[in-house]
N, C-alpha and C. Protein backbone atom coordinates (compact mmCIF):
# COMPACT_ATOMS: atom_id res chain seq x y z
N MET A 1 -17.32 45.50 4.28
CA MET A 1 -17.22 46.29 3.01
C MET A 1 -16.05 45.80 2.27
N ALA A 2 -16.23 45.67 0.95
CA ALA A 2 -15.07 45.01 0.13
C ALA A 2 -14.09 46.16 -0.08
N PRO A 3 -12.80 45.71 -0.12
CA PRO A 3 -11.80 46.78 -0.47
C PRO A 3 -11.84 47.23 -1.86
N GLN A 4 -11.53 48.57 -1.93
CA GLN A 4 -11.69 49.14 -3.10
C GLN A 4 -10.54 48.95 -4.07
N THR A 5 -10.87 48.49 -5.24
CA THR A 5 -9.70 48.08 -6.21
C THR A 5 -9.86 48.94 -7.35
N THR A 6 -8.65 49.16 -7.91
CA THR A 6 -8.63 50.17 -9.21
C THR A 6 -8.54 49.25 -10.45
N ASP A 7 -9.18 49.57 -11.44
CA ASP A 7 -9.07 49.02 -12.71
C ASP A 7 -7.78 49.23 -13.26
N ARG A 8 -7.14 48.02 -13.85
CA ARG A 8 -5.78 48.29 -14.41
C ARG A 8 -5.82 49.06 -15.64
N ALA A 9 -6.96 48.85 -16.39
CA ALA A 9 -7.15 49.76 -17.76
C ALA A 9 -7.28 51.12 -17.56
N SER A 10 -7.96 51.41 -16.46
CA SER A 10 -8.07 52.99 -16.09
C SER A 10 -6.72 53.56 -15.64
N THR A 11 -6.05 52.82 -14.69
CA THR A 11 -4.88 53.28 -14.13
C THR A 11 -3.73 53.42 -15.29
N HIS A 12 -3.83 52.45 -16.30
CA HIS A 12 -2.84 52.59 -17.28
C HIS A 12 -3.12 53.85 -18.27
N SER A 13 -4.40 54.07 -18.59
CA SER A 13 -4.83 55.14 -19.31
C SER A 13 -4.65 56.60 -18.66
N MET A 14 -4.87 56.58 -17.27
CA MET A 14 -4.43 57.77 -16.68
C MET A 14 -2.94 57.98 -16.73
N GLU A 15 -2.04 57.01 -16.65
CA GLU A 15 -0.66 57.29 -16.76
C GLU A 15 -0.20 57.72 -18.05
N LYS A 16 -0.83 57.21 -19.14
CA LYS A 16 -0.69 57.62 -20.42
C LYS A 16 -1.11 59.02 -20.68
N ASP A 17 -2.30 59.56 -20.18
CA ASP A 17 -2.72 60.89 -20.26
C ASP A 17 -1.73 61.93 -19.45
N LEU A 18 -1.21 61.37 -18.35
CA LEU A 18 -0.25 62.21 -17.56
C LEU A 18 1.09 62.35 -18.37
N GLU A 19 1.44 61.41 -18.99
CA GLU A 19 2.67 61.39 -19.86
C GLU A 19 2.69 62.39 -20.91
N LYS A 20 1.40 62.66 -21.51
CA LYS A 20 1.17 63.70 -22.52
C LYS A 20 1.30 65.04 -22.12
N VAL A 21 1.00 65.32 -20.98
CA VAL A 21 1.04 66.69 -20.38
C VAL A 21 2.43 67.16 -20.04
N ASP A 22 2.76 68.15 -20.76
CA ASP A 22 4.27 68.79 -20.47
C ASP A 22 4.15 69.60 -19.27
N TYR A 23 3.09 70.53 -19.07
CA TYR A 23 2.93 71.33 -18.08
C TYR A 23 1.54 71.65 -17.74
N ILE A 24 1.10 72.07 -16.62
CA ILE A 24 -0.31 72.44 -16.40
C ILE A 24 -0.26 73.92 -16.36
N GLU A 25 -1.12 74.48 -17.12
CA GLU A 25 -1.34 75.92 -17.27
C GLU A 25 -2.11 76.35 -16.21
N VAL A 26 -1.55 77.46 -15.45
CA VAL A 26 -2.37 77.93 -14.30
C VAL A 26 -2.66 79.44 -14.66
N ASN A 27 -4.05 79.85 -14.53
CA ASN A 27 -4.49 81.00 -15.01
C ASN A 27 -4.46 81.89 -13.81
N HIS A 28 -3.70 82.99 -14.00
CA HIS A 28 -3.42 83.91 -12.80
C HIS A 28 -4.41 85.08 -12.96
N ASN A 29 -5.23 85.07 -14.00
CA ASN A 29 -6.29 86.04 -14.03
C ASN A 29 -7.28 86.11 -13.08
N LYS A 30 -7.38 86.92 -12.16
CA LYS A 30 -8.42 86.90 -11.09
C LYS A 30 -9.78 87.30 -11.50
N TYR A 31 -9.97 87.83 -12.62
CA TYR A 31 -11.23 88.23 -13.13
C TYR A 31 -11.69 87.38 -14.22
N ALA A 32 -10.94 86.20 -14.38
CA ALA A 32 -11.47 85.20 -15.35
C ALA A 32 -12.84 84.72 -15.26
N ASN A 33 -13.28 84.58 -13.87
CA ASN A 33 -14.59 84.03 -13.64
C ASN A 33 -15.73 84.87 -14.09
N ILE A 34 -15.38 86.25 -14.25
CA ILE A 34 -16.62 87.15 -14.82
C ILE A 34 -16.40 87.26 -16.23
N GLY A 35 -15.51 86.68 -16.92
CA GLY A 35 -15.38 86.68 -18.44
C GLY A 35 -14.35 87.66 -19.03
N LEU A 36 -13.50 88.24 -18.21
CA LEU A 36 -12.51 89.20 -18.67
C LEU A 36 -11.15 88.53 -19.08
N THR A 37 -10.58 88.91 -20.20
CA THR A 37 -9.39 88.32 -20.68
C THR A 37 -8.37 88.96 -19.97
N ALA A 38 -7.04 88.42 -20.13
CA ALA A 38 -5.87 88.86 -19.43
C ALA A 38 -5.70 90.43 -19.79
N GLU A 39 -5.90 90.69 -21.15
CA GLU A 39 -5.73 92.10 -21.57
C GLU A 39 -6.70 92.97 -20.95
N GLU A 40 -7.98 92.55 -20.89
CA GLU A 40 -8.97 93.38 -20.32
C GLU A 40 -8.79 93.62 -18.71
N THR A 41 -8.24 92.51 -18.08
CA THR A 41 -7.80 92.62 -16.62
C THR A 41 -6.68 93.60 -16.40
N ASP A 42 -5.70 93.57 -17.34
CA ASP A 42 -4.51 94.51 -17.33
C ASP A 42 -5.08 95.93 -17.35
N PHE A 43 -5.92 96.17 -18.41
CA PHE A 43 -6.49 97.47 -18.68
C PHE A 43 -7.28 97.97 -17.43
N TYR A 44 -8.03 97.08 -16.71
CA TYR A 44 -8.90 97.59 -15.54
C TYR A 44 -7.91 97.77 -14.47
N GLU A 45 -6.88 97.12 -14.26
CA GLU A 45 -6.11 97.29 -12.99
C GLU A 45 -5.13 98.38 -13.24
N ASN A 46 -4.84 98.91 -14.47
CA ASN A 46 -4.00 99.98 -14.58
C ASN A 46 -4.73 101.21 -14.92
N TYR A 47 -6.04 101.17 -14.98
CA TYR A 47 -6.85 102.36 -15.34
C TYR A 47 -6.76 103.31 -13.99
N PRO A 48 -6.55 104.72 -14.16
CA PRO A 48 -6.43 105.54 -12.78
C PRO A 48 -7.70 105.54 -12.02
N GLU A 49 -7.41 105.52 -10.78
CA GLU A 49 -8.51 105.28 -9.69
C GLU A 49 -9.47 106.49 -9.89
N GLU A 50 -9.05 107.68 -10.17
CA GLU A 50 -9.93 108.93 -10.05
C GLU A 50 -10.87 108.79 -11.40
N SER A 51 -10.33 108.34 -12.52
CA SER A 51 -11.03 108.22 -13.81
C SER A 51 -12.06 107.03 -13.58
N ARG A 52 -11.69 105.96 -12.92
CA ARG A 52 -12.53 104.91 -12.63
C ARG A 52 -13.70 105.14 -11.80
N LYS A 53 -13.55 106.14 -10.81
CA LYS A 53 -14.68 106.64 -9.82
C LYS A 53 -15.65 107.41 -10.65
N LYS A 54 -15.04 108.38 -11.51
CA LYS A 54 -15.84 109.21 -12.36
C LYS A 54 -16.70 108.44 -13.25
N MET A 55 -16.24 107.31 -13.86
CA MET A 55 -16.82 106.61 -14.86
C MET A 55 -17.97 105.67 -14.08
N ILE A 56 -17.77 105.08 -12.92
CA ILE A 56 -18.74 104.33 -12.23
C ILE A 56 -19.89 105.42 -11.83
N ARG A 57 -19.58 106.59 -11.33
CA ARG A 57 -20.49 107.52 -10.88
C ARG A 57 -21.47 107.92 -12.19
N LYS A 58 -20.79 108.15 -13.28
CA LYS A 58 -21.58 108.36 -14.52
C LYS A 58 -22.54 107.23 -14.81
N ILE A 59 -21.96 106.01 -14.86
CA ILE A 59 -22.88 104.86 -15.12
C ILE A 59 -24.10 104.84 -14.03
N ASP A 60 -23.71 105.04 -12.80
CA ASP A 60 -24.63 104.95 -11.79
C ASP A 60 -25.85 105.96 -12.05
N PHE A 61 -25.38 107.13 -12.29
CA PHE A 61 -26.53 108.31 -12.49
C PHE A 61 -27.35 108.03 -13.76
N ARG A 62 -26.86 107.20 -14.63
CA ARG A 62 -27.64 106.86 -15.80
C ARG A 62 -28.44 105.75 -15.67
N LEU A 63 -27.84 104.65 -15.05
CA LEU A 63 -28.44 103.27 -14.91
C LEU A 63 -29.37 103.07 -13.81
N VAL A 64 -29.13 103.61 -12.62
CA VAL A 64 -29.88 103.38 -11.54
C VAL A 64 -31.35 103.97 -11.69
N PRO A 65 -31.64 105.31 -12.15
CA PRO A 65 -32.97 105.69 -12.45
C PRO A 65 -33.69 104.87 -13.43
N VAL A 66 -33.13 104.28 -14.39
CA VAL A 66 -33.81 103.26 -15.25
C VAL A 66 -34.29 102.04 -14.70
N LEU A 67 -33.26 101.47 -13.86
CA LEU A 67 -33.57 100.34 -13.08
C LEU A 67 -34.63 100.39 -12.03
N ALA A 68 -34.65 101.63 -11.28
CA ALA A 68 -35.72 102.01 -10.27
C ALA A 68 -37.06 102.05 -11.11
N LEU A 69 -37.09 102.70 -12.32
CA LEU A 69 -38.37 102.93 -12.98
C LEU A 69 -38.94 101.39 -13.41
N LEU A 70 -38.04 100.71 -13.92
CA LEU A 70 -38.26 99.32 -14.21
C LEU A 70 -38.79 98.48 -13.19
N TYR A 71 -38.26 98.61 -11.92
CA TYR A 71 -38.63 97.92 -10.77
C TYR A 71 -40.07 98.28 -10.38
N LEU A 72 -40.31 99.81 -10.28
CA LEU A 72 -41.69 100.23 -10.06
C LEU A 72 -42.60 99.70 -11.04
N MET A 73 -42.43 99.81 -12.44
CA MET A 73 -43.39 99.17 -13.25
C MET A 73 -43.70 97.79 -12.99
N VAL A 74 -42.66 96.92 -12.88
CA VAL A 74 -42.88 95.52 -12.64
C VAL A 74 -43.72 95.25 -11.28
N SER A 75 -43.32 95.85 -10.23
CA SER A 75 -44.03 95.75 -9.03
C SER A 75 -45.52 96.25 -9.07
N ALA A 76 -45.73 97.44 -9.83
CA ALA A 76 -47.17 97.93 -10.06
C ALA A 76 -47.88 96.75 -10.80
N ASN A 77 -47.29 96.28 -11.80
CA ASN A 77 -47.96 95.23 -12.54
C ASN A 77 -48.33 94.01 -11.78
N TRP A 78 -47.38 93.54 -10.85
CA TRP A 78 -47.68 92.42 -10.07
C TRP A 78 -48.80 92.82 -9.01
N ILE A 79 -48.73 94.04 -8.50
CA ILE A 79 -49.79 94.50 -7.48
C ILE A 79 -51.12 94.37 -8.23
N THR A 80 -51.23 94.92 -9.47
CA THR A 80 -52.46 95.01 -10.11
C THR A 80 -52.92 93.54 -10.36
N TRP A 81 -52.08 92.82 -10.87
CA TRP A 81 -52.49 91.48 -11.14
C TRP A 81 -53.00 90.66 -9.83
N TYR A 82 -52.44 90.92 -8.74
CA TYR A 82 -52.80 90.31 -7.41
C TYR A 82 -54.09 90.86 -7.03
N LEU A 83 -54.40 92.17 -7.08
CA LEU A 83 -55.68 92.78 -6.73
C LEU A 83 -56.81 92.52 -7.61
N PHE A 84 -56.55 92.50 -8.92
CA PHE A 84 -57.65 92.51 -9.81
C PHE A 84 -57.52 91.40 -10.66
N GLY A 85 -56.69 90.42 -10.61
CA GLY A 85 -56.49 89.24 -11.45
C GLY A 85 -57.70 88.33 -11.34
N ASP A 86 -58.19 88.01 -10.21
CA ASP A 86 -59.45 87.31 -9.95
C ASP A 86 -60.55 87.84 -10.58
N LEU A 87 -60.72 89.13 -10.45
CA LEU A 87 -61.75 89.83 -11.02
C LEU A 87 -61.73 89.74 -12.57
N ALA A 88 -60.67 90.01 -13.00
CA ALA A 88 -60.49 89.97 -14.46
C ALA A 88 -60.82 88.64 -15.00
N ASP A 89 -60.44 87.66 -14.34
CA ASP A 89 -60.61 86.33 -14.84
C ASP A 89 -62.05 85.97 -14.86
N ARG A 90 -62.81 86.36 -13.87
CA ARG A 90 -64.36 86.27 -13.81
C ARG A 90 -65.04 87.03 -14.91
N CYS A 91 -64.63 88.33 -15.20
CA CYS A 91 -65.19 89.03 -16.19
C CYS A 91 -65.00 88.56 -17.46
N PHE A 92 -63.78 88.10 -17.87
CA PHE A 92 -63.59 87.75 -19.29
C PHE A 92 -63.69 86.26 -19.39
N SER A 93 -64.14 85.56 -18.61
CA SER A 93 -64.35 83.97 -18.91
C SER A 93 -65.56 83.96 -19.50
N HIS A 94 -65.81 82.95 -20.37
CA HIS A 94 -66.95 82.80 -21.13
C HIS A 94 -67.79 81.48 -20.65
N GLU A 95 -67.79 81.41 -19.48
CA GLU A 95 -68.47 80.20 -18.97
C GLU A 95 -70.00 80.55 -18.55
């Protein structure tokens, strides 16, 4: 196996790029991966725990029934398609 050599031009350009950087910014926002800004993260972390629990409970009571109904509608649609899809294809085909 041949020894790995580095290209002088690429090494030179990397050195020039590193000279341009004064400092490397480190993001300490632990919620940045879900799209929260630093200000939103600060608001979330300083929000009172009891109020947060009430808000989540209110969202759960409103959102979970809607999602359950949506799930039932979709699954019923898939079951209907599975059971009667072939029959419907034969009935409505013009062959």
